């Protein structure tokens, strides 16, 4: 004897099988598309039908995959992260936060690396994430490549960005940690120890003046301290070592250095060591990010702790809200914090 869909749904519930959205539809006497509309809080469902679907959900013990709520918008059950580098600590930790938040929601995470901010690379990336299969999009726009992709995205693509505090307004939801304020705190810490000024070895920025650069400049200007030329060295430790060797290690006027991240601090520290200059006896160094292991350097590195994983989780929640057409959630970020260790001291 052939059983009806309603009997099959009841049998699935009795037999311990995990009920599906089609089981709910059969039990409520509606289509599975109508169940999807109810799950998405669509206004295109009558109150009577909504009540019938919710009652069926309750009877069957149905637990919807929250990712399936994106069906009503025609996007996939996931998030695509656009980033220019998967190895740098800030990028990788932000991605980690996105992945952790997505796992809780049962959503998949994909990664699209944009090779450069050149028009061809940007267009390829934008075309890729503009496809509905990409789901919601989170752009890690800490650099010109990410910023270019964010600016070029079509309006219909649900997207948010992890950015620097002073990033240009693109009309998208943009979430940033207050690294400008943190850099100012780090600079004031060095000035407060008695250093006449603070040199800055900068990382590449999304804009002309990134938050770390701007905070350093703010603190020097407010204190009436001299503002040295910024030293640009790229992302890598070797570049920081060369910059430190050529521009810092041989200058006795250099007694304090704020580095754009902890990797840069490592390169500068080695350049000073090779030149016979002691840290912190001759030169104090502050890093940025508080990468794993920085507390175990010799000397332990004074640095700014950045909650990139928390930033990633906030971006994920904002991206899902964009995907589902819901109001943006209230987001609380852990502020950056200066962690004082052994690499800073008063000047001799």
C-alpha atoms as a PDB file:
ATOM      1  CA  UNK A   1       0.000   0.000   0.000  1.00  0.00           C
ATOM      2  CA  UNK A   2       1.317   3.438  -0.904  1.00  0.00           C
ATOM      3  CA  UNK A   3       1.511   5.798   2.074  1.00  0.00           C
ATOM      4  CA  UNK A   4       0.584   9.487   1.894  1.00  0.00           C
ATOM      5  CA  UNK A   5       3.176  12.257   2.397  1.00  0.00           C
ATOM      6  CA  UNK A   6       1.492  13.067   5.718  1.00  0.00           C
ATOM      7  CA  UNK A   7       1.862   9.512   6.952  1.00  0.00           C
ATOM      8  CA  UNK A   8       5.499   9.459   5.790  1.00  0.00           C
ATOM      9  CA  UNK A   9       6.186  12.665   7.735  1.00  0.00           C
ATOM     10  CA  UNK A  10       4.606  11.202  10.878  1.00  0.00           C
ATOM     11  CA  UNK A  11       6.541   7.946  10.407  1.00  0.00           C
ATOM     12  CA  UNK A  12       9.809   9.871  10.051  1.00  0.00           C
ATOM     13  CA  UNK A  13       9.110  11.678  13.301  1.00  0.00           C
ATOM     14  CA  UNK A  14       8.166   8.458  15.109  1.00  0.00           C
ATOM     15  CA  UNK A  15      11.136   6.532  13.733  1.00  0.00           C
ATOM     16  CA  UNK A  16      13.695   9.015  14.989  1.00  0.00           C
ATOM     17  CA  UNK A  17      14.725  10.199  11.491  1.00  0.00           C
ATOM     18  CA  UNK A  18      15.704  13.845  11.231  1.00  0.00           C
ATOM     19  CA  UNK A  19      12.684  15.582   9.674  1.00  0.00           C
ATOM     20  CA  UNK A  20      13.305  17.671   6.581  1.00  0.00           C
ATOM     21  CA  UNK A  21      11.711  20.808   5.267  1.00  0.00           C
ATOM     22  CA  UNK A  22       9.621  18.611   2.930  1.00  0.00           C
ATOM     23  CA  UNK A  23       8.341  16.611   5.917  1.00  0.00           C
ATOM     24  CA  UNK A  24       7.190  19.863   7.478  1.00  0.00           C
ATOM     25  CA  UNK A  25       5.535  20.908   4.220  1.00  0.00           C
ATOM     26  CA  UNK A  26       3.664  17.584   4.004  1.00  0.00           C
ATOM     27  CA  UNK A  27       2.530  17.769   7.610  1.00  0.00           C
ATOM     28  CA  UNK A  28       1.261  21.336   7.160  1.00  0.00           C
ATOM     29  CA  UNK A  29      -0.299  20.686   3.762  1.00  0.00           C
ATOM     30  CA  UNK A  30       1.764  23.356   2.001  1.00  0.00           C
ATOM     31  CA  UNK A  31       4.696  23.491  -0.426  1.00  0.00           C
ATOM     32  CA  UNK A  32       8.283  23.391   0.796  1.00  0.00           C
ATOM     33  CA  UNK A  33       8.694  26.890  -0.685  1.00  0.00           C
ATOM     34  CA  UNK A  34       6.021  28.117   1.717  1.00  0.00           C
ATOM     35  CA  UNK A  35       7.885  26.561   4.642  1.00  0.00           C
ATOM     36  CA  UNK A  36      11.012  28.380   3.463  1.00  0.00           C
ATOM     37  CA  UNK A  37       9.079  31.657   3.413  1.00  0.00           C
ATOM     38  CA  UNK A  38       7.930  31.076   6.983  1.00  0.00           C
ATOM     39  CA  UNK A  39      11.505  30.349   8.080  1.00  0.00           C
ATOM     40  CA  UNK A  40      12.601  33.582   6.391  1.00  0.00           C
ATOM     41  CA  UNK A  41       9.808  35.592   8.061  1.00  0.00           C
ATOM     42  CA  UNK A  42       8.411  36.525   4.665  1.00  0.00           C
ATOM     43  CA  UNK A  43       5.336  38.786   4.710  1.00  0.00           C
ATOM     44  CA  UNK A  44       3.948  36.803   1.740  1.00  0.00           C
ATOM     45  CA  UNK A  45       2.423  34.138   4.043  1.00  0.00           C
ATOM     46  CA  UNK A  46      -1.018  34.389   5.627  1.00  0.00           C
ATOM     47  CA  UNK A  47      -1.297  34.195   9.382  1.00  0.00           C
ATOM     48  CA  UNK A  48      -3.289  30.931   9.151  1.00  0.00           C
ATOM     49  CA  UNK A  49      -0.673  29.279   6.931  1.00  0.00           C
ATOM     50  CA  UNK A  50       2.150  30.537   9.131  1.00  0.00           C
ATOM     51  CA  UNK A  51       0.419  29.066  12.198  1.00  0.00           C
ATOM     52  CA  UNK A  52      -0.035  25.707  10.440  1.00  0.00           C
ATOM     53  CA  UNK A  53       3.638  25.568   9.437  1.00  0.00           C
ATOM     54  CA  UNK A  54       4.871  26.529  12.903  1.00  0.00           C
ATOM     55  CA  UNK A  55       2.597  23.901  14.452  1.00  0.00           C
ATOM     56  CA  UNK A  56       4.025  21.261  12.105  1.00  0.00           C
ATOM     57  CA  UNK A  57       7.554  22.339  12.973  1.00  0.00           C
ATOM     58  CA  UNK A  58       6.730  21.939  16.655  1.00  0.00           C
ATOM     59  CA  UNK A  59       5.058  18.505  16.215  1.00  0.00           C
ATOM     60  CA  UNK A  60       7.930  17.082  14.179  1.00  0.00           C
ATOM     61  CA  UNK A  61      10.694  18.643  16.239  1.00  0.00           C
ATOM     62  CA  UNK A  62      12.115  20.172  13.061  1.00  0.00           C
ATOM     63  CA  UNK A  63      15.319  22.142  13.569  1.00  0.00           C
ATOM     64  CA  UNK A  64      15.989  24.208  10.451  1.00  0.00           C
ATOM     65  CA  UNK A  65      19.478  24.619   9.117  1.00  0.00           C
ATOM     66  CA  UNK A  66      19.753  28.345   9.664  1.00  0.00           C
ATOM     67  CA  UNK A  67      21.736  28.631   6.471  1.00  0.00           C
ATOM     68  CA  UNK A  68      18.640  27.519   4.560  1.00  0.00           C
ATOM     69  CA  UNK A  69      16.970  30.802   5.419  1.00  0.00           C
ATOM     70  CA  UNK A  70      19.067  32.329   2.661  1.00  0.00           C
ATOM     71  CA  UNK A  71      17.046  30.362   0.087  1.00  0.00           C
ATOM     72  CA  UNK A  72      14.420  33.068  -0.099  1.00  0.00           C
ATOM     73  CA  UNK A  73      17.013  35.511  -1.435  1.00  0.00           C
ATOM     74  CA  UNK A  74      18.444  33.133  -4.024  1.00  0.00           C
ATOM     75  CA  UNK A  75      21.947  33.115  -2.490  1.00  0.00           C
ATOM     76  CA  UNK A  76      23.934  30.074  -1.425  1.00  0.00           C
ATOM     77  CA  UNK A  77      24.236  28.755   2.121  1.00  0.00           C
ATOM     78  CA  UNK A  78      27.588  30.301   2.848  1.00  0.00           C
ATOM     79  CA  UNK A  79      29.940  33.227   3.021  1.00  0.00           C
ATOM     80  CA  UNK A  80      32.821  34.050   0.696  1.00  0.00           C
ATOM     81  CA  UNK A  81      35.760  35.919   2.202  1.00  0.00           C
ATOM     82  CA  UNK A  82      37.816  38.145  -0.093  1.00  0.00           C
ATOM     83  CA  UNK A  83      41.365  38.783   1.110  1.00  0.00           C
ATOM     84  CA  UNK A  84      44.763  39.507  -0.377  1.00  0.00           C
ATOM     85  CA  UNK A  85      46.788  37.325   2.004  1.00  0.00           C
ATOM     86  CA  UNK A  86      45.887  34.209   3.983  1.00  0.00           C
ATOM     87  CA  UNK A  87      49.127  34.085   6.001  1.00  0.00           C
ATOM     88  CA  UNK A  88      49.459  37.488   7.664  1.00  0.00           C
ATOM     89  CA  UNK A  89      48.279  37.358  11.252  1.00  0.00           C
ATOM     90  CA  UNK A  90      45.542  39.997  11.076  1.00  0.00           C
ATOM     91  CA  UNK A  91      44.011  38.528   7.924  1.00  0.00           C
ATOM     92  CA  UNK A  92      44.264  34.910   9.087  1.00  0.00           C
ATOM     93  CA  UNK A  93      42.815  35.683  12.527  1.00  0.00           C
ATOM     94  CA  UNK A  94      39.896  37.626  11.033  1.00  0.00           C
ATOM     95  CA  UNK A  95      39.207  34.654   8.762  1.00  0.00           C
ATOM     96  CA  UNK A  96      39.372  32.365  11.793  1.00  0.00           C
ATOM     97  CA  UNK A  97      36.663  34.418  13.504  1.00  0.00           C
ATOM     98  CA  UNK A  98      34.455  34.239  10.407  1.00  0.00           C
ATOM     99  CA  UNK A  99      34.892  30.462  10.201  1.00  0.00           C
ATOM    100  CA  UNK A 100      34.089  29.966  13.884  1.00  0.00           C
ATOM    101  CA  UNK A 101      30.901  32.022  13.653  1.00  0.00           C
ATOM    102  CA  UNK A 102      29.841  30.275  10.433  1.00  0.00           C
ATOM    103  CA  UNK A 103      30.356  26.844  11.984  1.00  0.00           C
ATOM    104  CA  UNK A 104      27.882  27.692  14.744  1.00  0.00           C
ATOM    105  CA  UNK A 105      25.313  28.679  12.105  1.00  0.00           C
ATOM    106  CA  UNK A 106      25.942  25.624   9.927  1.00  0.00           C
ATOM    107  CA  UNK A 107      27.190  27.754   7.050  1.00  0.00           C
ATOM    108  CA  UNK A 108      30.107  27.129   4.744  1.00  0.00           C
ATOM    109  CA  UNK A 109      33.002  29.551   4.239  1.00  0.00           C
ATOM    110  CA  UNK A 110      34.896  30.001   0.998  1.00  0.00           C
ATOM    111  CA  UNK A 111      37.979  32.121   0.367  1.00  0.00           C
ATOM    112  CA  UNK A 112      38.807  34.170  -2.718  1.00  0.00           C
ATOM    113  CA  UNK A 113      42.308  35.658  -2.856  1.00  0.00           C
ATOM    114  CA  UNK A 114      42.639  38.879  -4.847  1.00  0.00           C
ATOM    115  CA  UNK A 115      46.155  38.993  -6.273  1.00  0.00           C
ATOM    116  CA  UNK A 116      46.513  42.772  -6.562  1.00  0.00           C
ATOM    117  CA  UNK A 117      44.579  46.010  -6.892  1.00  0.00           C
ATOM    118  CA  UNK A 118      45.084  45.948 -10.672  1.00  0.00           C
ATOM    119  CA  UNK A 119      41.860  46.296 -12.712  1.00  0.00           C
ATOM    120  CA  UNK A 120      42.088  42.759 -14.119  1.00  0.00           C
ATOM    121  CA  UNK A 121      42.535  41.054 -10.747  1.00  0.00           C
ATOM    122  CA  UNK A 122      39.818  43.175  -9.159  1.00  0.00           C
ATOM    123  CA  UNK A 123      37.350  42.420 -11.978  1.00  0.00           C
ATOM    124  CA  UNK A 124      37.979  38.675 -11.755  1.00  0.00           C
ATOM    125  CA  UNK A 125      37.318  38.715  -8.038  1.00  0.00           C
ATOM    126  CA  UNK A 126      34.209  40.886  -8.341  1.00  0.00           C
ATOM    127  CA  UNK A 127      32.796  38.641 -11.086  1.00  0.00           C
ATOM    128  CA  UNK A 128      33.403  35.585  -8.910  1.00  0.00           C
ATOM    129  CA  UNK A 129      31.677  36.878  -5.789  1.00  0.00           C
ATOM    130  CA  UNK A 130      28.823  38.483  -7.753  1.00  0.00           C
ATOM    131  CA  UNK A 131      27.523  34.998  -8.579  1.00  0.00           C
ATOM    132  CA  UNK A 132      24.721  33.915  -6.198  1.00  0.00           C
ATOM    133  CA  UNK A 133      26.676  30.750  -5.356  1.00  0.00           C
ATOM    134  CA  UNK A 134      29.156  32.932  -3.440  1.00  0.00           C
ATOM    135  CA  UNK A 135      26.561  33.716  -0.766  1.00  0.00           C
ATOM    136  CA  UNK A 136      27.231  36.705   1.432  1.00  0.00           C
ATOM    137  CA  UNK A 137      30.605  38.393   0.985  1.00  0.00           C
ATOM    138  CA  UNK A 138      33.045  39.602   3.625  1.00  0.00           C
ATOM    139  CA  UNK A 139      35.880  41.711   2.224  1.00  0.00           C
ATOM    140  CA  UNK A 140      38.955  42.007   4.424  1.00  0.00           C
ATOM    141  CA  UNK A 141      39.847  45.467   3.161  1.00  0.00           C
ATOM    142  CA  UNK A 142      43.007  46.218   5.116  1.00  0.00           C
ATOM    143  CA  UNK A 143      44.909  47.074   1.931  1.00  0.00           C
ATOM    144  CA  UNK A 144      44.395  48.597  -1.532  1.00  0.00           C
ATOM    145  CA  UNK A 145      43.436  45.239  -3.103  1.00  0.00           C
ATOM    146  CA  UNK A 146      40.576  44.597  -0.715  1.00  0.00           C
ATOM    147  CA  UNK A 147      39.453  48.221  -0.846  1.00  0.00           C
ATOM    148  CA  UNK A 148      39.324  48.120  -4.656  1.00  0.00           C
ATOM    149  CA  UNK A 149      37.151  44.992  -4.622  1.00  0.00           C
ATOM    150  CA  UNK A 150      34.806  46.506  -2.054  1.00  0.00           C
ATOM    151  CA  UNK A 151      34.363  49.657  -4.108  1.00  0.00           C
ATOM    152  CA  UNK A 152      33.709  47.695  -7.324  1.00  0.00           C
ATOM    153  CA  UNK A 153      31.071  45.306  -5.941  1.00  0.00           C
ATOM    154  CA  UNK A 154      27.628  45.711  -7.557  1.00  0.00           C
ATOM    155  CA  UNK A 155      24.918  46.989  -5.180  1.00  0.00           C
ATOM    156  CA  UNK A 156      22.960  43.719  -5.299  1.00  0.00           C
ATOM    157  CA  UNK A 157      25.790  41.695  -3.730  1.00  0.00           C
ATOM    158  CA  UNK A 158      25.249  41.371   0.045  1.00  0.00           C
ATOM    159  CA  UNK A 159      28.621  42.388   1.452  1.00  0.00           C
ATOM    160  CA  UNK A 160      30.327  43.873   4.486  1.00  0.00           C
ATOM    161  CA  UNK A 161      33.933  44.839   5.095  1.00  0.00           C
ATOM    162  CA  UNK A 162      36.560  44.549   7.767  1.00  0.00           C
ATOM    163  CA  UNK A 163      38.389  47.837   7.348  1.00  0.00           C
ATOM    164  CA  UNK A 164      40.702  50.370   8.885  1.00  0.00           C
ATOM    165  CA  UNK A 165      39.049  53.121  10.959  1.00  0.00           C
ATOM    166  CA  UNK A 166      39.642  55.878   8.409  1.00  0.00           C
ATOM    167  CA  UNK A 167      38.713  53.862   5.306  1.00  0.00           C
ATOM    168  CA  UNK A 168      36.738  55.748   2.622  1.00  0.00           C
ATOM    169  CA  UNK A 169      32.955  55.380   2.829  1.00  0.00           C
ATOM    170  CA  UNK A 170      31.685  52.954   0.167  1.00  0.00           C
ATOM    171  CA  UNK A 171      28.100  52.841   1.391  1.00  0.00           C
ATOM    172  CA  UNK A 172      28.657  49.307   2.710  1.00  0.00           C
ATOM    173  CA  UNK A 173      28.585  48.127   6.291  1.00  0.00           C
ATOM    174  CA  UNK A 174      32.193  48.531   7.449  1.00  0.00           C
ATOM    175  CA  UNK A 175      33.530  47.287  10.781  1.00  0.00           C
ATOM    176  CA  UNK A 176      36.877  48.319  12.233  1.00  0.00           C
ATOM    177  CA  UNK A 177      38.917  48.014  15.396  1.00  0.00           C
ATOM    178  CA  UNK A 178      40.108  51.315  16.862  1.00  0.00           C
ATOM    179  CA  UNK A 179      43.744  50.894  15.914  1.00  0.00           C
ATOM    180  CA  UNK A 180      44.158  54.651  15.586  1.00  0.00           C
ATOM    181  CA  UNK A 181      43.434  55.151  19.273  1.00  0.00           C
ATOM    182  CA  UNK A 182      45.611  52.179  20.162  1.00  0.00           C
ATOM    183  CA  UNK A 183      48.568  53.532  18.176  1.00  0.00           C
ATOM    184  CA  UNK A 184      48.178  56.864  19.953  1.00  0.00           C
ATOM    185  CA  UNK A 185      48.219  55.056  23.317  1.00  0.00           C
ATOM    186  CA  UNK A 186      51.386  53.171  22.355  1.00  0.00           C
ATOM    187  CA  UNK A 187      53.095  56.380  21.255  1.00  0.00           C
ATOM    188  CA  UNK A 188      52.076  58.173  24.438  1.00  0.00           C
ATOM    189  CA  UNK A 189      53.483  55.259  26.444  1.00  0.00           C
ATOM    190  CA  UNK A 190      56.896  55.773  24.828  1.00  0.00           C
ATOM    191  CA  UNK A 191      56.773  59.539  25.241  1.00  0.00           C
ATOM    192  CA  UNK A 192      55.739  59.067  28.850  1.00  0.00           C
ATOM    193  CA  UNK A 193      58.894  57.033  29.472  1.00  0.00           C
ATOM    194  CA  UNK A 194      60.895  60.116  28.536  1.00  0.00           C
ATOM    195  CA  UNK A 195      61.680  59.559  24.861  1.00  0.00           C
ATOM    196  CA  UNK A 196      61.982  62.795  22.912  1.00  0.00           C
ATOM    197  CA  UNK A 197      60.112  61.386  19.924  1.00  0.00           C
ATOM    198  CA  UNK A 198      58.993  58.066  18.424  1.00  0.00           C
ATOM    199  CA  UNK A 199      59.950  56.771  14.984  1.00  0.00           C
ATOM    200  CA  UNK A 200      57.419  54.742  13.018  1.00  0.00           C
ATOM    201  CA  UNK A 201      58.050  51.796  10.706  1.00  0.00           C
ATOM    202  CA  UNK A 202      54.751  51.446   8.859  1.00  0.00           C
ATOM    203  CA  UNK A 203      52.956  48.574   7.175  1.00  0.00           C
ATOM    204  CA  UNK A 204      51.106  49.060   3.868  1.00  0.00           C
ATOM    205  CA  UNK A 205      47.745  50.706   4.392  1.00  0.00           C
ATOM    206  CA  UNK A 206      44.344  50.659   2.738  1.00  0.00           C
ATOM    207  CA  UNK A 207      44.530  54.427   2.481  1.00  0.00           C
ATOM    208  CA  UNK A 208      47.247  57.055   2.378  1.00  0.00           C
ATOM    209  CA  UNK A 209      47.346  57.147   6.156  1.00  0.00           C
ATOM    210  CA  UNK A 210      46.276  54.011   7.990  1.00  0.00           C
ATOM    211  CA  UNK A 211      44.927  53.989  11.528  1.00  0.00           C
ATOM    212  CA  UNK A 212      48.239  53.020  13.088  1.00  0.00           C
ATOM    213  CA  UNK A 213      50.105  55.748  11.234  1.00  0.00           C
ATOM    214  CA  UNK A 214      47.420  58.309  12.062  1.00  0.00           C
ATOM    215  CA  UNK A 215      47.350  57.449  15.775  1.00  0.00           C
ATOM    216  CA  UNK A 216      51.130  57.754  16.002  1.00  0.00           C
ATOM    217  CA  UNK A 217      50.995  61.138  14.299  1.00  0.00           C
ATOM    218  CA  UNK A 218      48.118  62.316  16.534  1.00  0.00           C
ATOM    219  CA  UNK A 219      50.029  61.547  19.727  1.00  0.00           C
ATOM    220  CA  UNK A 220      53.253  63.234  18.596  1.00  0.00           C
ATOM    221  CA  UNK A 221      51.427  66.345  17.431  1.00  0.00           C
ATOM    222  CA  UNK A 222      49.386  66.606  20.636  1.00  0.00           C
ATOM    223  CA  UNK A 223      52.560  66.271  22.720  1.00  0.00           C
ATOM    224  CA  UNK A 224      54.428  68.859  20.658  1.00  0.00           C
ATOM    225  CA  UNK A 225      57.079  66.227  19.865  1.00  0.00           C
ATOM    226  CA  UNK A 226      59.065  66.144  16.610  1.00  0.00           C
ATOM    227  CA  UNK A 227      57.425  64.049  13.871  1.00  0.00           C
ATOM    228  CA  UNK A 228      60.065  61.960  12.050  1.00  0.00           C
ATOM    229  CA  UNK A 229      59.657  60.744   8.497  1.00  0.00           C
ATOM    230  CA  UNK A 230      57.620  57.546   8.290  1.00  0.00           C
ATOM    231  CA  UNK A 231      59.606  54.484   7.224  1.00  0.00           C
ATOM    232  CA  UNK A 232      57.716  52.255   4.767  1.00  0.00           C
ATOM    233  CA  UNK A 233      58.986  48.697   4.438  1.00  0.00           C
ATOM    234  CA  UNK A 234      56.190  46.421   3.203  1.00  0.00           C
ATOM    235  CA  UNK A 235      54.908  43.416   5.143  1.00  0.00           C
ATOM    236  CA  UNK A 236      57.879  41.093   5.455  1.00  0.00           C
ATOM    237  CA  UNK A 237      60.438  40.709   8.231  1.00  0.00           C
ATOM    238  CA  UNK A 238      63.361  40.930   5.799  1.00  0.00           C
ATOM    239  CA  UNK A 239      62.171  44.326   4.550  1.00  0.00           C
ATOM    240  CA  UNK A 240      61.827  45.559   8.112  1.00  0.00           C
ATOM    241  CA  UNK A 241      65.345  44.355   8.893  1.00  0.00           C
ATOM    242  CA  UNK A 242      66.785  46.237   5.911  1.00  0.00           C
ATOM    243  CA  UNK A 243      64.857  49.395   6.790  1.00  0.00           C
ATOM    244  CA  UNK A 244      66.003  49.158  10.397  1.00  0.00           C
ATOM    245  CA  UNK A 245      69.612  48.567   9.398  1.00  0.00           C
ATOM    246  CA  UNK A 246      69.739  51.464   6.936  1.00  0.00           C
ATOM    247  CA  UNK A 247      67.595  54.078   8.647  1.00  0.00           C
ATOM    248  CA  UNK A 248      67.448  53.382  12.376  1.00  0.00           C
ATOM    249  CA  UNK A 249      70.269  51.288  13.796  1.00  0.00           C
ATOM    250  CA  UNK A 250      73.060  53.762  13.081  1.00  0.00           C
ATOM    251  CA  UNK A 251      71.234  56.862  14.282  1.00  0.00           C
ATOM    252  CA  UNK A 252      71.892  57.630  17.970  1.00  0.00           C
ATOM    253  CA  UNK A 253      68.895  59.982  17.992  1.00  0.00           C
ATOM    254  CA  UNK A 254      66.617  56.966  17.546  1.00  0.00           C
ATOM    255  CA  UNK A 255      65.555  55.792  21.016  1.00  0.00           C
ATOM    256  CA  UNK A 256      61.955  54.654  20.466  1.00  0.00           C
ATOM    257  CA  UNK A 257      60.221  52.898  17.562  1.00  0.00           C
ATOM    258  CA  UNK A 258      56.565  52.060  16.960  1.00  0.00           C
ATOM    259  CA  UNK A 259      56.312  49.212  14.449  1.00  0.00           C
ATOM    260  CA  UNK A 260      53.312  48.607  12.210  1.00  0.00           C
ATOM    261  CA  UNK A 261      53.019  44.991  13.362  1.00  0.00           C
ATOM    262  CA  UNK A 262      54.927  42.425  15.401  1.00  0.00           C
ATOM    263  CA  UNK A 263      56.686  40.935  12.369  1.00  0.00           C
ATOM    264  CA  UNK A 264      58.073  44.375  11.564  1.00  0.00           C
ATOM    265  CA  UNK A 265      59.174  44.701  15.191  1.00  0.00           C
ATOM    266  CA  UNK A 266      61.067  41.428  14.882  1.00  0.00           C
ATOM    267  CA  UNK A 267      62.990  42.659  11.841  1.00  0.00           C
ATOM    268  CA  UNK A 268      63.806  46.016  13.460  1.00  0.00           C
ATOM    269  CA  UNK A 269      64.860  44.274  16.673  1.00  0.00           C
ATOM    270  CA  UNK A 270      67.345  42.112  14.764  1.00  0.00           C
ATOM    271  CA  UNK A 271      68.771  45.101  12.896  1.00  0.00           C
ATOM    272  CA  UNK A 272      69.397  46.875  16.186  1.00  0.00           C
ATOM    273  CA  UNK A 273      70.968  43.754  17.692  1.00  0.00           C
ATOM    274  CA  UNK A 274      73.351  43.373  14.749  1.00  0.00           C
ATOM    275  CA  UNK A 275      74.361  47.029  15.156  1.00  0.00           C
ATOM    276  CA  UNK A 276      75.161  46.463  18.836  1.00  0.00           C
ATOM    277  CA  UNK A 277      72.219  48.456  20.138  1.00  0.00           C
ATOM    278  CA  UNK A 278      70.356  47.042  23.113  1.00  0.00           C
ATOM    279  CA  UNK A 279      66.580  46.758  23.432  1.00  0.00           C
ATOM    280  CA  UNK A 280      65.293  48.369  25.581  1.00  0.00           C
ATOM    281  CA  UNK A 281      68.547  49.845  26.937  1.00  0.00           C
ATOM    282  CA  UNK A 282      69.324  51.892  23.827  1.00  0.00           C
ATOM    283  CA  UNK A 283      66.065  51.683  21.889  1.00  0.00           C
ATOM    284  CA  UNK A 284      62.521  50.865  23.015  1.00  0.00           C
ATOM    285  CA  UNK A 285      60.284  48.968  20.576  1.00  0.00           C
ATOM    286  CA  UNK A 286      56.496  48.596  20.472  1.00  0.00           C
ATOM    287  CA  UNK A 287      54.800  46.195  18.058  1.00  0.00           C
ATOM    288  CA  UNK A 288      51.191  45.748  16.997  1.00  0.00           C
ATOM    289  CA  UNK A 289      48.791  42.753  16.950  1.00  0.00           C
ATOM    290  CA  UNK A 290      50.221  40.631  19.826  1.00  0.00           C
ATOM    291  CA  UNK A 291      50.949  37.603  17.675  1.00  0.00           C
ATOM    292  CA  UNK A 292      51.379  34.236  19.411  1.00  0.00           C
ATOM    293  CA  UNK A 293      54.889  34.044  20.819  1.00  0.00           C
ATOM    294  CA  UNK A 294      55.538  37.767  21.189  1.00  0.00           C
ATOM    295  CA  UNK A 295      55.408  37.380  24.970  1.00  0.00           C
ATOM    296  CA  UNK A 296      58.298  34.879  24.754  1.00  0.00           C
ATOM    297  CA  UNK A 297      60.774  36.924  22.718  1.00  0.00           C
ATOM    298  CA  UNK A 298      63.951  38.206  24.334  1.00  0.00           C
ATOM    299  CA  UNK A 299      63.036  40.773  25.449  1.00  0.00           C
ATOM    300  CA  UNK A 300      59.285  40.086  25.590  1.00  0.00           C
ATOM    301  CA  UNK A 301      57.598  42.481  23.169  1.00  0.00           C
ATOM    302  CA  UNK A 302      55.445  45.398  24.271  1.00  0.00           C
ATOM    303  CA  UNK A 303      52.638  45.417  21.720  1.00  0.00           C
ATOM    304  CA  UNK A 304      48.989  46.225  21.026  1.00  0.00           C
ATOM    305  CA  UNK A 305      46.569  43.321  21.351  1.00  0.00           C
ATOM    306  CA  UNK A 306      44.020  43.262  18.523  1.00  0.00           C
ATOM    307  CA  UNK A 307      40.909  41.056  18.646  1.00  0.00           C
ATOM    308  CA  UNK A 308      40.854  40.098  14.972  1.00  0.00           C
ATOM    309  CA  UNK A 309      38.833  36.937  15.655  1.00  0.00           C
ATOM    310  CA  UNK A 310      36.141  39.074  17.291  1.00  0.00           C
ATOM    311  CA  UNK A 311      36.220  41.369  14.267  1.00  0.00           C
ATOM    312  CA  UNK A 312      35.680  38.368  11.991  1.00  0.00           C
ATOM    313  CA  UNK A 313      32.705  37.146  14.020  1.00  0.00           C
ATOM    314  CA  UNK A 314      31.139  40.610  13.905  1.00  0.00           C
ATOM    315  CA  UNK A 315      31.625  40.768  10.140  1.00  0.00           C
ATOM    316  CA  UNK A 316      29.995  37.364   9.715  1.00  0.00           C
ATOM    317  CA  UNK A 317      26.909  38.390  11.695  1.00  0.00           C
ATOM    318  CA  UNK A 318      26.640  41.608   9.712  1.00  0.00           C
ATOM    319  CA  UNK A 319      27.037  39.740   6.414  1.00  0.00           C
ATOM    320  CA  UNK A 320      24.265  37.270   7.284  1.00  0.00           C
ATOM    321  CA  UNK A 321      21.971  40.198   8.131  1.00  0.00           C
ATOM    322  CA  UNK A 322      22.751  41.694   4.716  1.00  0.00           C
ATOM    323  CA  UNK A 323      22.096  38.329   3.064  1.00  0.00           C
ATOM    324  CA  UNK A 324      18.710  37.890   4.721  1.00  0.00           C
ATOM    325  CA  UNK A 325      17.662  41.522   4.406  1.00  0.00           C
ATOM    326  CA  UNK A 326      17.419  41.980   8.147  1.00  0.00           C
ATOM    327  CA  UNK A 327      18.384  44.938  10.340  1.00  0.00           C
ATOM    328  CA  UNK A 328      22.028  45.032  11.307  1.00  0.00           C
ATOM    329  CA  UNK A 329      22.707  43.476  14.715  1.00  0.00           C
ATOM    330  CA  UNK A 330      24.210  45.441  17.566  1.00  0.00           C
ATOM    331  CA  UNK A 331      27.903  44.602  17.557  1.00  0.00           C
ATOM    332  CA  UNK A 332      30.301  44.826  20.483  1.00  0.00           C
ATOM    333  CA  UNK A 333      34.021  44.672  19.733  1.00  0.00           C
ATOM    334  CA  UNK A 334      36.813  44.189  22.241  1.00  0.00           C
ATOM    335  CA  UNK A 335      38.911  47.388  22.038  1.00  0.00           C
ATOM    336  CA  UNK A 336      42.625  47.099  21.204  1.00  0.00           C
ATOM    337  CA  UNK A 337      44.806  47.192  24.317  1.00  0.00           C
ATOM    338  CA  UNK A 338      48.457  48.054  24.915  1.00  0.00           C
ATOM    339  CA  UNK A 339      50.280  45.111  26.525  1.00  0.00           C
ATOM    340  CA  UNK A 340      53.404  46.407  28.286  1.00  0.00           C
ATOM    341  CA  UNK A 341      56.263  43.915  28.483  1.00  0.00           C
ATOM    342  CA  UNK A 342      60.067  44.146  28.464  1.00  0.00           C
ATOM    343  CA  UNK A 343      60.925  45.874  25.173  1.00  0.00           C
ATOM    344  CA  UNK A 344      60.202  49.409  26.415  1.00  0.00           C
ATOM    345  CA  UNK A 345      62.023  51.429  29.077  1.00  0.00           C
ATOM    346  CA  UNK A 346      63.146  55.012  29.791  1.00  0.00           C
ATOM    347  CA  UNK A 347      65.992  56.229  27.589  1.00  0.00           C
ATOM    348  CA  UNK A 348      69.529  56.168  28.994  1.00  0.00           C
END
